[in-house]
């Protein structure tokens, strides 16, 4: 999920326990809906290997539509690796087999935070499942708090696509869900539920824009219980292939600019808007033994005053393995 003020400050819930919350009762139904959309959208063959090139001119007599109500398009580049893996913002592309390890140190006045996150993603046809395990260490004024943050389970699936006849415009709209399971640590004692919508847009052969919007609700007691946030993120990428920039061992170099925002919707500081930006790059290296490393590095800085209260700087290091 996007970095939010509570995570940036490293403030865990002050509640003494975790109570049941109505949002968790709705989880099975939501996951069932995602699975149903994925199953009804399945086409013959692999979802990542049978798509035609999005830059090819289409025969007007050829029907490329498929899936539920014919909303998907075989020509779409969704799931073909054209969208760079984000840093601060949640991933929205189809990932068949992916593992990643991220390290995000950040600081403000008299405050330092380190977040280390391990993540695996598995694609089943058009459905992507995700498991994320973050560990956080926060130091402020000589006091150190550390522990696991919420263990996140996620799922996402596309439901509509549009590809222009010449393939220049290629956009995919989908839905997702994220469920944060609290470890009852000093970092987090509150569960989280985040339904999402996303759009992955490709323009031509180089430019991509990934957009994602979510509505976060925290369950449990303490000062954070019932907290609601509107989360949003944008990832702009420009893919430079090897034949245009022949760096040895690099298949693609992708400069990236990200914006990750959180607007608090209730409680005392409702309306607070925290936005972080990240100027980064990701390098897709040559595949070795069926594994493609995709390292990335970014510099994070605050955009709004609310973000500046908690984060003055950050350096995001990400190592992704596609296999």
C-alpha atoms as a PDB file:
ATOM      1  CA  UNK A   1       0.000   0.000   0.000  1.00  0.00           C
ATOM      2  CA  UNK A   2       1.150   3.593  -0.412  1.00  0.00           C
ATOM      3  CA  UNK A   3       3.228   5.062   2.400  1.00  0.00           C
ATOM      4  CA  UNK A   4       0.807   6.800   4.766  1.00  0.00           C
ATOM      5  CA  UNK A   5       1.324   9.182   7.678  1.00  0.00           C
ATOM      6  CA  UNK A   6       0.783   6.506  10.317  1.00  0.00           C
ATOM      7  CA  UNK A   7       3.419   4.271   8.747  1.00  0.00           C
ATOM      8  CA  UNK A   8       5.841   7.125   8.133  1.00  0.00           C
ATOM      9  CA  UNK A   9       5.673   8.163  11.783  1.00  0.00           C
ATOM     10  CA  UNK A  10       5.965   4.568  12.896  1.00  0.00           C
ATOM     11  CA  UNK A  11       3.039   5.003  15.287  1.00  0.00           C
ATOM     12  CA  UNK A  12       1.341   1.778  16.190  1.00  0.00           C
ATOM     13  CA  UNK A  13      -2.148   1.481  17.547  1.00  0.00           C
ATOM     14  CA  UNK A  14      -2.447   2.024  21.294  1.00  0.00           C
ATOM     15  CA  UNK A  15      -5.270  -0.479  21.649  1.00  0.00           C
ATOM     16  CA  UNK A  16      -4.839  -3.424  23.996  1.00  0.00           C
ATOM     17  CA  UNK A  17      -6.226  -5.967  21.608  1.00  0.00           C
ATOM     18  CA  UNK A  18      -7.802  -6.622  18.242  1.00  0.00           C
ATOM     19  CA  UNK A  19     -11.546  -6.730  17.920  1.00  0.00           C
ATOM     20  CA  UNK A  20     -13.567  -8.261  15.163  1.00  0.00           C
ATOM     21  CA  UNK A  21     -14.612  -5.780  12.517  1.00  0.00           C
ATOM     22  CA  UNK A  22     -17.368  -5.888   9.953  1.00  0.00           C
ATOM     23  CA  UNK A  23     -14.906  -5.353   7.101  1.00  0.00           C
ATOM     24  CA  UNK A  24     -13.346  -8.795   7.597  1.00  0.00           C
ATOM     25  CA  UNK A  25     -16.719 -10.443   7.219  1.00  0.00           C
ATOM     26  CA  UNK A  26     -16.844  -9.081   3.653  1.00  0.00           C
ATOM     27  CA  UNK A  27     -13.412 -10.369   2.629  1.00  0.00           C
ATOM     28  CA  UNK A  28     -14.490 -13.829   1.316  1.00  0.00           C
ATOM     29  CA  UNK A  29     -17.212 -12.296  -0.851  1.00  0.00           C
ATOM     30  CA  UNK A  30     -14.810  -9.779  -2.364  1.00  0.00           C
ATOM     31  CA  UNK A  31     -12.163 -12.392  -3.113  1.00  0.00           C
ATOM     32  CA  UNK A  32     -14.835 -14.619  -4.624  1.00  0.00           C
ATOM     33  CA  UNK A  33     -15.873 -11.747  -6.906  1.00  0.00           C
ATOM     34  CA  UNK A  34     -12.280 -11.238  -8.053  1.00  0.00           C
ATOM     35  CA  UNK A  35     -11.901 -14.953  -8.745  1.00  0.00           C
ATOM     36  CA  UNK A  36     -15.188 -15.005 -10.687  1.00  0.00           C
ATOM     37  CA  UNK A  37     -14.076 -12.072 -12.849  1.00  0.00           C
ATOM     38  CA  UNK A  38     -10.750 -13.800 -13.482  1.00  0.00           C
ATOM     39  CA  UNK A  39     -12.353 -17.104 -14.443  1.00  0.00           C
ATOM     40  CA  UNK A  40     -14.886 -15.517 -16.779  1.00  0.00           C
ATOM     41  CA  UNK A  41     -12.048 -13.558 -18.405  1.00  0.00           C
ATOM     42  CA  UNK A  42      -9.857 -16.580 -19.152  1.00  0.00           C
ATOM     43  CA  UNK A  43      -8.944 -17.109 -22.774  1.00  0.00           C
ATOM     44  CA  UNK A  44      -7.329 -20.099 -24.453  1.00  0.00           C
ATOM     45  CA  UNK A  45      -3.621 -20.337 -23.628  1.00  0.00           C
ATOM     46  CA  UNK A  46      -1.494 -18.255 -21.291  1.00  0.00           C
ATOM     47  CA  UNK A  47      -2.626 -14.710 -20.557  1.00  0.00           C
ATOM     48  CA  UNK A  48       0.923 -13.458 -20.973  1.00  0.00           C
ATOM     49  CA  UNK A  49       1.985 -15.283 -24.112  1.00  0.00           C
ATOM     50  CA  UNK A  50      -0.902 -15.236 -26.573  1.00  0.00           C
ATOM     51  CA  UNK A  51      -1.350 -11.494 -26.864  1.00  0.00           C
ATOM     52  CA  UNK A  52      -0.465  -9.937 -30.190  1.00  0.00           C
ATOM     53  CA  UNK A  53       1.814  -6.944 -30.311  1.00  0.00           C
ATOM     54  CA  UNK A  54      -0.053  -3.784 -29.320  1.00  0.00           C
ATOM     55  CA  UNK A  55       1.734  -1.838 -32.038  1.00  0.00           C
ATOM     56  CA  UNK A  56       0.394  -3.963 -34.890  1.00  0.00           C
ATOM     57  CA  UNK A  57      -2.274  -2.623 -37.211  1.00  0.00           C
ATOM     58  CA  UNK A  58      -5.576  -4.424 -36.737  1.00  0.00           C
ATOM     59  CA  UNK A  59      -7.574  -6.118 -39.457  1.00  0.00           C
ATOM     60  CA  UNK A  60     -11.009  -4.485 -39.131  1.00  0.00           C
ATOM     61  CA  UNK A  61     -12.687  -7.863 -39.699  1.00  0.00           C
ATOM     62  CA  UNK A  62     -10.760  -9.501 -36.849  1.00  0.00           C
ATOM     63  CA  UNK A  63     -12.519  -9.756 -33.490  1.00  0.00           C
ATOM     64  CA  UNK A  64      -9.978  -9.316 -30.708  1.00  0.00           C
ATOM     65  CA  UNK A  65     -12.461  -8.977 -27.858  1.00  0.00           C
ATOM     66  CA  UNK A  66     -12.926 -11.657 -25.190  1.00  0.00           C
ATOM     67  CA  UNK A  67     -13.866 -12.155 -21.548  1.00  0.00           C
ATOM     68  CA  UNK A  68     -16.933 -11.021 -19.641  1.00  0.00           C
ATOM     69  CA  UNK A  69     -19.191  -9.012 -22.007  1.00  0.00           C
ATOM     70  CA  UNK A  70     -16.232  -8.820 -24.416  1.00  0.00           C
ATOM     71  CA  UNK A  71     -14.589  -6.081 -22.336  1.00  0.00           C
ATOM     72  CA  UNK A  72     -11.016  -7.397 -22.687  1.00  0.00           C
ATOM     73  CA  UNK A  73      -8.767  -7.243 -25.742  1.00  0.00           C
ATOM     74  CA  UNK A  74      -6.190  -9.819 -26.895  1.00  0.00           C
ATOM     75  CA  UNK A  75      -3.995  -7.013 -28.271  1.00  0.00           C
ATOM     76  CA  UNK A  76      -3.435  -5.394 -24.885  1.00  0.00           C
ATOM     77  CA  UNK A  77       0.127  -5.244 -23.548  1.00  0.00           C
ATOM     78  CA  UNK A  78      -1.132  -5.715 -19.979  1.00  0.00           C
ATOM     79  CA  UNK A  79       0.897  -8.458 -18.329  1.00  0.00           C
ATOM     80  CA  UNK A  80       3.689  -8.382 -20.903  1.00  0.00           C
ATOM     81  CA  UNK A  81       6.170  -6.528 -18.690  1.00  0.00           C
ATOM     82  CA  UNK A  82       5.871  -3.109 -20.326  1.00  0.00           C
ATOM     83  CA  UNK A  83       4.856  -1.410 -17.049  1.00  0.00           C
ATOM     84  CA  UNK A  84       7.736  -0.826 -14.600  1.00  0.00           C
ATOM     85  CA  UNK A  85       7.404  -2.137 -11.049  1.00  0.00           C
ATOM     86  CA  UNK A  86       6.558   0.841  -8.809  1.00  0.00           C
ATOM     87  CA  UNK A  87       8.370   1.755  -5.605  1.00  0.00           C
ATOM     88  CA  UNK A  88       6.046   3.679  -3.245  1.00  0.00           C
ATOM     89  CA  UNK A  89       2.876   2.938  -5.208  1.00  0.00           C
ATOM     90  CA  UNK A  90       1.154  -0.452  -5.325  1.00  0.00           C
ATOM     91  CA  UNK A  91       1.846  -2.630  -8.353  1.00  0.00           C
ATOM     92  CA  UNK A  92      -1.109  -3.040 -10.734  1.00  0.00           C
ATOM     93  CA  UNK A  93       0.312  -5.030 -13.678  1.00  0.00           C
ATOM     94  CA  UNK A  94      -0.199  -8.772 -14.110  1.00  0.00           C
ATOM     95  CA  UNK A  95       2.771 -10.601 -12.555  1.00  0.00           C
ATOM     96  CA  UNK A  96       3.181 -14.309 -13.326  1.00  0.00           C
ATOM     97  CA  UNK A  97       6.065 -15.129 -10.961  1.00  0.00           C
ATOM     98  CA  UNK A  98       7.800 -12.340  -9.058  1.00  0.00           C
ATOM     99  CA  UNK A  99       9.811 -11.950  -5.861  1.00  0.00           C
ATOM    100  CA  UNK A 100      11.190  -8.681  -4.528  1.00  0.00           C
ATOM    101  CA  UNK A 101      13.058  -7.204  -1.591  1.00  0.00           C
ATOM    102  CA  UNK A 102      12.854  -3.470  -0.794  1.00  0.00           C
ATOM    103  CA  UNK A 103      14.692  -1.239   1.661  1.00  0.00           C
ATOM    104  CA  UNK A 104      13.381   2.242   2.385  1.00  0.00           C
ATOM    105  CA  UNK A 105      15.314   4.396   4.887  1.00  0.00           C
ATOM    106  CA  UNK A 106      13.807   7.841   5.498  1.00  0.00           C
ATOM    107  CA  UNK A 107      14.217  10.675   7.949  1.00  0.00           C
ATOM    108  CA  UNK A 108      12.890  13.914   9.372  1.00  0.00           C
ATOM    109  CA  UNK A 109      13.923  16.150  12.266  1.00  0.00           C
ATOM    110  CA  UNK A 110      15.118  13.863  15.104  1.00  0.00           C
ATOM    111  CA  UNK A 111      13.425  10.893  13.438  1.00  0.00           C
ATOM    112  CA  UNK A 112      14.739   8.000  11.345  1.00  0.00           C
ATOM    113  CA  UNK A 113      12.863   5.045   9.892  1.00  0.00           C
ATOM    114  CA  UNK A 114      13.946   1.878   8.097  1.00  0.00           C
ATOM    115  CA  UNK A 115      11.426  -0.314   6.296  1.00  0.00           C
ATOM    116  CA  UNK A 116      12.438  -3.664   4.808  1.00  0.00           C
ATOM    117  CA  UNK A 117       9.760  -5.482   2.802  1.00  0.00           C
ATOM    118  CA  UNK A 118       9.758  -8.946   1.263  1.00  0.00           C
ATOM    119  CA  UNK A 119       7.102  -9.693  -1.346  1.00  0.00           C
ATOM    120  CA  UNK A 120       6.042 -12.499  -3.677  1.00  0.00           C
ATOM    121  CA  UNK A 121       3.426 -12.370  -6.459  1.00  0.00           C
ATOM    122  CA  UNK A 122       1.830 -15.195  -8.399  1.00  0.00           C
ATOM    123  CA  UNK A 123      -0.347 -14.914 -11.495  1.00  0.00           C
ATOM    124  CA  UNK A 124      -3.198 -17.298 -12.246  1.00  0.00           C
ATOM    125  CA  UNK A 125      -4.467 -16.440 -15.724  1.00  0.00           C
ATOM    126  CA  UNK A 126      -5.410 -12.742 -15.325  1.00  0.00           C
ATOM    127  CA  UNK A 127      -5.565 -12.819 -11.512  1.00  0.00           C
ATOM    128  CA  UNK A 128      -2.484 -11.716  -9.538  1.00  0.00           C
ATOM    129  CA  UNK A 129      -2.118 -12.795  -5.897  1.00  0.00           C
ATOM    130  CA  UNK A 130       0.297 -11.027  -3.571  1.00  0.00           C
ATOM    131  CA  UNK A 131       1.925 -11.605  -0.175  1.00  0.00           C
ATOM    132  CA  UNK A 132       3.880  -8.792   1.473  1.00  0.00           C
ATOM    133  CA  UNK A 133       5.782  -8.979   4.776  1.00  0.00           C
ATOM    134  CA  UNK A 134       7.229  -5.650   6.034  1.00  0.00           C
ATOM    135  CA  UNK A 135       9.547  -5.024   9.002  1.00  0.00           C
ATOM    136  CA  UNK A 136       9.968  -1.510  10.381  1.00  0.00           C
ATOM    137  CA  UNK A 137      12.402   0.171  12.753  1.00  0.00           C
ATOM    138  CA  UNK A 138      11.777   3.729  13.969  1.00  0.00           C
ATOM    139  CA  UNK A 139      14.082   5.881  16.086  1.00  0.00           C
ATOM    140  CA  UNK A 140      13.038   9.229  17.590  1.00  0.00           C
ATOM    141  CA  UNK A 141      14.691  11.144  20.402  1.00  0.00           C
ATOM    142  CA  UNK A 142      16.671   8.139  21.575  1.00  0.00           C
ATOM    143  CA  UNK A 143      13.612   5.852  21.613  1.00  0.00           C
ATOM    144  CA  UNK A 144      13.565   2.894  19.261  1.00  0.00           C
ATOM    145  CA  UNK A 145      10.447   0.997  18.206  1.00  0.00           C
ATOM    146  CA  UNK A 146      10.670  -1.959  15.856  1.00  0.00           C
ATOM    147  CA  UNK A 147       8.624  -4.912  14.701  1.00  0.00           C
ATOM    148  CA  UNK A 148       6.578  -6.329  11.860  1.00  0.00           C
ATOM    149  CA  UNK A 149       3.958  -4.162  10.242  1.00  0.00           C
ATOM    150  CA  UNK A 150       0.758  -5.660   8.798  1.00  0.00           C
ATOM    151  CA  UNK A 151       1.192  -8.784   6.709  1.00  0.00           C
ATOM    152  CA  UNK A 152      -0.599  -7.845   3.494  1.00  0.00           C
ATOM    153  CA  UNK A 153      -2.566 -10.228   1.290  1.00  0.00           C
ATOM    154  CA  UNK A 154      -3.650  -8.835  -2.061  1.00  0.00           C
ATOM    155  CA  UNK A 155      -5.429  -9.728  -5.280  1.00  0.00           C
ATOM    156  CA  UNK A 156      -6.110  -7.807  -8.481  1.00  0.00           C
ATOM    157  CA  UNK A 157      -7.660  -8.505 -11.866  1.00  0.00           C
ATOM    158  CA  UNK A 158      -8.436  -6.448 -15.002  1.00  0.00           C
ATOM    159  CA  UNK A 159     -12.026  -6.187 -16.219  1.00  0.00           C
ATOM    160  CA  UNK A 160     -11.920  -3.791 -19.208  1.00  0.00           C
ATOM    161  CA  UNK A 161      -9.406  -2.886 -21.906  1.00  0.00           C
ATOM    162  CA  UNK A 162      -9.214  -0.531 -24.856  1.00  0.00           C
ATOM    163  CA  UNK A 163      -6.588  -0.659 -27.613  1.00  0.00           C
ATOM    164  CA  UNK A 164      -6.749   1.822 -30.491  1.00  0.00           C
ATOM    165  CA  UNK A 165      -6.657   0.430 -34.058  1.00  0.00           C
ATOM    166  CA  UNK A 166      -3.010   1.459 -34.493  1.00  0.00           C
ATOM    167  CA  UNK A 167      -2.060   0.247 -30.994  1.00  0.00           C
ATOM    168  CA  UNK A 168      -0.828   3.673 -29.851  1.00  0.00           C
ATOM    169  CA  UNK A 169      -3.350   3.866 -26.980  1.00  0.00           C
ATOM    170  CA  UNK A 170      -3.497   0.789 -24.758  1.00  0.00           C
ATOM    171  CA  UNK A 171      -5.335   1.041 -21.437  1.00  0.00           C
ATOM    172  CA  UNK A 172      -6.470  -1.524 -18.869  1.00  0.00           C
ATOM    173  CA  UNK A 173      -8.889  -0.900 -15.992  1.00  0.00           C
ATOM    174  CA  UNK A 174      -9.108  -3.315 -13.077  1.00  0.00           C
ATOM    175  CA  UNK A 175     -10.034  -3.830  -9.447  1.00  0.00           C
ATOM    176  CA  UNK A 176      -8.121  -5.134  -6.459  1.00  0.00           C
ATOM    177  CA  UNK A 177      -8.263  -5.768  -2.751  1.00  0.00           C
ATOM    178  CA  UNK A 178      -5.644  -5.558  -0.004  1.00  0.00           C
ATOM    179  CA  UNK A 179      -6.076  -7.076   3.437  1.00  0.00           C
ATOM    180  CA  UNK A 180      -3.630  -6.178   6.206  1.00  0.00           C
ATOM    181  CA  UNK A 181      -3.337  -8.787   8.966  1.00  0.00           C
ATOM    182  CA  UNK A 182      -2.017  -7.171  12.171  1.00  0.00           C
ATOM    183  CA  UNK A 183       0.893  -8.941  13.930  1.00  0.00           C
ATOM    184  CA  UNK A 184      -0.035  -7.292  17.248  1.00  0.00           C
ATOM    185  CA  UNK A 185       3.438  -5.755  17.383  1.00  0.00           C
ATOM    186  CA  UNK A 186       4.613  -2.378  18.650  1.00  0.00           C
ATOM    187  CA  UNK A 187       4.326  -1.157  15.040  1.00  0.00           C
ATOM    188  CA  UNK A 188       0.761  -2.252  14.271  1.00  0.00           C
ATOM    189  CA  UNK A 189      -2.209  -3.689  16.142  1.00  0.00           C
ATOM    190  CA  UNK A 190      -4.862  -2.684  13.614  1.00  0.00           C
ATOM    191  CA  UNK A 191      -6.098  -4.643  10.638  1.00  0.00           C
ATOM    192  CA  UNK A 192      -6.661  -2.898   7.312  1.00  0.00           C
ATOM    193  CA  UNK A 193      -9.009  -3.323   4.381  1.00  0.00           C
ATOM    194  CA  UNK A 194      -8.353  -1.511   1.075  1.00  0.00           C
ATOM    195  CA  UNK A 195     -10.542  -2.029  -2.014  1.00  0.00           C
ATOM    196  CA  UNK A 196      -8.921  -0.482  -5.086  1.00  0.00           C
ATOM    197  CA  UNK A 197      -9.386   0.439  -8.727  1.00  0.00           C
ATOM    198  CA  UNK A 198      -6.510   0.915 -11.153  1.00  0.00           C
ATOM    199  CA  UNK A 199      -5.712   1.945 -14.707  1.00  0.00           C
ATOM    200  CA  UNK A 200      -2.582   0.978 -16.647  1.00  0.00           C
ATOM    201  CA  UNK A 201      -2.076   3.187 -19.702  1.00  0.00           C
ATOM    202  CA  UNK A 202       0.539   2.778 -22.442  1.00  0.00           C
ATOM    203  CA  UNK A 203       1.047   5.443 -25.114  1.00  0.00           C
ATOM    204  CA  UNK A 204       3.230   4.399 -28.015  1.00  0.00           C
ATOM    205  CA  UNK A 205       6.377   2.392 -27.422  1.00  0.00           C
ATOM    206  CA  UNK A 206       7.857   4.357 -24.520  1.00  0.00           C
ATOM    207  CA  UNK A 207       5.443   6.162 -22.199  1.00  0.00           C
ATOM    208  CA  UNK A 208       3.409   4.466 -19.442  1.00  0.00           C
ATOM    209  CA  UNK A 209       1.136   5.809 -16.696  1.00  0.00           C
ATOM    210  CA  UNK A 210      -0.123   3.645 -13.860  1.00  0.00           C
ATOM    211  CA  UNK A 211      -2.872   5.073 -11.641  1.00  0.00           C
ATOM    212  CA  UNK A 212      -4.369   3.480  -8.541  1.00  0.00           C
ATOM    213  CA  UNK A 213      -7.011   4.599  -6.028  1.00  0.00           C
ATOM    214  CA  UNK A 214      -7.985   2.912  -2.768  1.00  0.00           C
ATOM    215  CA  UNK A 215     -10.244   3.418   0.261  1.00  0.00           C
ATOM    216  CA  UNK A 216      -8.501   2.291   3.449  1.00  0.00           C
ATOM    217  CA  UNK A 217     -10.285   1.389   6.683  1.00  0.00           C
ATOM    218  CA  UNK A 218      -8.455   0.346   9.850  1.00  0.00           C
ATOM    219  CA  UNK A 219     -10.116  -2.125  12.207  1.00  0.00           C
ATOM    220  CA  UNK A 220      -9.430  -2.730  15.886  1.00  0.00           C
ATOM    221  CA  UNK A 221      -9.162  -0.470  18.900  1.00  0.00           C
ATOM    222  CA  UNK A 222      -6.837   2.294  19.948  1.00  0.00           C
ATOM    223  CA  UNK A 223      -6.471   5.739  18.431  1.00  0.00           C
ATOM    224  CA  UNK A 224      -6.252   4.320  14.912  1.00  0.00           C
ATOM    225  CA  UNK A 225      -9.329   2.102  15.092  1.00  0.00           C
ATOM    226  CA  UNK A 226     -11.879   3.167  12.472  1.00  0.00           C
ATOM    227  CA  UNK A 227      -9.429   5.491  10.703  1.00  0.00           C
ATOM    228  CA  UNK A 228     -10.319   5.962   7.027  1.00  0.00           C
ATOM    229  CA  UNK A 229      -8.003   7.220   4.290  1.00  0.00           C
ATOM    230  CA  UNK A 230      -8.285   7.839   0.582  1.00  0.00           C
ATOM    231  CA  UNK A 231      -5.077   6.494  -0.983  1.00  0.00           C
ATOM    232  CA  UNK A 232      -3.889   7.279  -4.480  1.00  0.00           C
ATOM    233  CA  UNK A 233      -0.779   6.888  -6.582  1.00  0.00           C
ATOM    234  CA  UNK A 234       0.594   7.685 -10.033  1.00  0.00           C
ATOM    235  CA  UNK A 235       3.624   6.133 -11.724  1.00  0.00           C
ATOM    236  CA  UNK A 236       5.003   7.739 -14.888  1.00  0.00           C
ATOM    237  CA  UNK A 237       7.591   5.717 -16.777  1.00  0.00           C
ATOM    238  CA  UNK A 238       9.565   6.126 -19.988  1.00  0.00           C
ATOM    239  CA  UNK A 239      11.021   2.866 -21.296  1.00  0.00           C
ATOM    240  CA  UNK A 240      14.346   3.077 -23.156  1.00  0.00           C
ATOM    241  CA  UNK A 241      15.153  -0.227 -24.920  1.00  0.00           C
ATOM    242  CA  UNK A 242      18.664  -1.603 -25.374  1.00  0.00           C
ATOM    243  CA  UNK A 243      18.839  -0.701 -29.079  1.00  0.00           C
ATOM    244  CA  UNK A 244      18.342   2.992 -28.189  1.00  0.00           C
ATOM    245  CA  UNK A 245      20.662   2.963 -25.152  1.00  0.00           C
ATOM    246  CA  UNK A 246      23.093   0.024 -25.484  1.00  0.00           C
ATOM    247  CA  UNK A 247      24.203  -0.425 -21.856  1.00  0.00           C
ATOM    248  CA  UNK A 248      25.840  -3.859 -21.479  1.00  0.00           C
ATOM    249  CA  UNK A 249      23.589  -6.335 -19.717  1.00  0.00           C
ATOM    250  CA  UNK A 250      20.584  -3.969 -19.632  1.00  0.00           C
ATOM    251  CA  UNK A 251      17.564  -4.812 -21.782  1.00  0.00           C
ATOM    252  CA  UNK A 252      15.529  -1.781 -20.703  1.00  0.00           C
ATOM    253  CA  UNK A 253      16.253   1.319 -18.643  1.00  0.00           C
ATOM    254  CA  UNK A 254      13.131   2.993 -17.254  1.00  0.00           C
ATOM    255  CA  UNK A 255      13.244   6.442 -15.597  1.00  0.00           C
ATOM    256  CA  UNK A 256      10.284   6.724 -13.229  1.00  0.00           C
ATOM    257  CA  UNK A 257       8.483   9.532 -11.393  1.00  0.00           C
ATOM    258  CA  UNK A 258       6.000   8.533  -8.688  1.00  0.00           C
ATOM    259  CA  UNK A 259       3.465  10.351  -6.552  1.00  0.00           C
ATOM    260  CA  UNK A 260       1.981   8.549  -3.551  1.00  0.00           C
ATOM    261  CA  UNK A 261      -0.744  10.295  -1.588  1.00  0.00           C
ATOM    262  CA  UNK A 262      -2.975   9.748   1.440  1.00  0.00           C
ATOM    263  CA  UNK A 263      -5.900  11.963   2.436  1.00  0.00           C
ATOM    264  CA  UNK A 264      -7.363  11.355   5.893  1.00  0.00           C
ATOM    265  CA  UNK A 265     -11.163  11.247   5.800  1.00  0.00           C
ATOM    266  CA  UNK A 266     -12.164  11.232   9.485  1.00  0.00           C
ATOM    267  CA  UNK A 267     -11.018  11.738  13.073  1.00  0.00           C
ATOM    268  CA  UNK A 268      -9.213  14.817  14.353  1.00  0.00           C
ATOM    269  CA  UNK A 269      -7.002  15.676  11.389  1.00  0.00           C
ATOM    270  CA  UNK A 270      -9.470  14.809   8.629  1.00  0.00           C
ATOM    271  CA  UNK A 271      -8.510  16.502   5.400  1.00  0.00           C
ATOM    272  CA  UNK A 272      -4.772  16.136   5.999  1.00  0.00           C
ATOM    273  CA  UNK A 273      -3.141  15.368   2.655  1.00  0.00           C
ATOM    274  CA  UNK A 274       0.287  13.723   2.653  1.00  0.00           C
ATOM    275  CA  UNK A 275       1.982  13.360  -0.751  1.00  0.00           C
ATOM    276  CA  UNK A 276       5.430  11.910  -1.359  1.00  0.00           C
ATOM    277  CA  UNK A 277       7.274  11.971  -4.684  1.00  0.00           C
ATOM    278  CA  UNK A 278       9.943   9.598  -5.913  1.00  0.00           C
ATOM    279  CA  UNK A 279      12.412  10.203  -8.752  1.00  0.00           C
ATOM    280  CA  UNK A 280      13.823   6.819  -9.658  1.00  0.00           C
ATOM    281  CA  UNK A 281      14.959   4.384 -12.306  1.00  0.00           C
ATOM    282  CA  UNK A 282      14.562   0.674 -12.831  1.00  0.00           C
ATOM    283  CA  UNK A 283      16.873  -1.422 -14.991  1.00  0.00           C
ATOM    284  CA  UNK A 284      15.561  -4.657 -16.510  1.00  0.00           C
ATOM    285  CA  UNK A 285      18.665  -6.782 -16.877  1.00  0.00           C
ATOM    286  CA  UNK A 286      19.290  -9.760 -19.131  1.00  0.00           C
ATOM    287  CA  UNK A 287      17.669 -13.016 -18.081  1.00  0.00           C
ATOM    288  CA  UNK A 288      20.039 -15.568 -16.533  1.00  0.00           C
ATOM    289  CA  UNK A 289      18.924 -19.165 -15.930  1.00  0.00           C
ATOM    290  CA  UNK A 290      15.291 -18.148 -16.385  1.00  0.00           C
ATOM    291  CA  UNK A 291      15.492 -15.303 -13.844  1.00  0.00           C
ATOM    292  CA  UNK A 292      15.470 -11.618 -14.776  1.00  0.00           C
ATOM    293  CA  UNK A 293      16.792  -9.178 -12.152  1.00  0.00           C
ATOM    294  CA  UNK A 294      15.153  -5.744 -12.152  1.00  0.00           C
ATOM    295  CA  UNK A 295      17.001  -3.501  -9.680  1.00  0.00           C
ATOM    296  CA  UNK A 296      15.788   0.010  -8.954  1.00  0.00           C
ATOM    297  CA  UNK A 297      16.835   3.060  -6.967  1.00  0.00           C
ATOM    298  CA  UNK A 298      14.891   6.205  -6.094  1.00  0.00           C
ATOM    299  CA  UNK A 299      15.116   9.437  -4.100  1.00  0.00           C
ATOM    300  CA  UNK A 300      11.960  10.242  -2.104  1.00  0.00           C
ATOM    301  CA  UNK A 301      10.944  13.722  -0.993  1.00  0.00           C
ATOM    302  CA  UNK A 302       7.788  15.410   0.374  1.00  0.00           C
ATOM    303  CA  UNK A 303       5.437  17.388  -1.852  1.00  0.00           C
ATOM    304  CA  UNK A 304       2.906  18.703   0.670  1.00  0.00           C
ATOM    305  CA  UNK A 305       3.342  20.276   4.108  1.00  0.00           C
ATOM    306  CA  UNK A 306       1.599  17.332   5.765  1.00  0.00           C
ATOM    307  CA  UNK A 307       4.131  14.965   4.236  1.00  0.00           C
ATOM    308  CA  UNK A 308       7.021  17.256   5.191  1.00  0.00           C
ATOM    309  CA  UNK A 309       6.074  16.962   8.877  1.00  0.00           C
ATOM    310  CA  UNK A 310       6.952  13.258   8.780  1.00  0.00           C
ATOM    311  CA  UNK A 311       9.417  12.781   5.918  1.00  0.00           C
ATOM    312  CA  UNK A 312      12.203  15.113   4.801  1.00  0.00           C
ATOM    313  CA  UNK A 313      14.073  12.593   2.678  1.00  0.00           C
ATOM    314  CA  UNK A 314      14.147   8.946   1.720  1.00  0.00           C
ATOM    315  CA  UNK A 315      16.135   6.545  -0.456  1.00  0.00           C
ATOM    316  CA  UNK A 316      14.274   3.607  -1.957  1.00  0.00           C
ATOM    317  CA  UNK A 317      16.258   0.536  -3.030  1.00  0.00           C
ATOM    318  CA  UNK A 318      14.331  -2.248  -4.774  1.00  0.00           C
ATOM    319  CA  UNK A 319      15.455  -5.598  -6.138  1.00  0.00           C
ATOM    320  CA  UNK A 320      12.886  -7.489  -8.225  1.00  0.00           C
ATOM    321  CA  UNK A 321      13.271 -10.972  -9.698  1.00  0.00           C
ATOM    322  CA  UNK A 322      10.996 -12.154 -12.520  1.00  0.00           C
ATOM    323  CA  UNK A 323      11.019 -15.906 -13.144  1.00  0.00           C
END
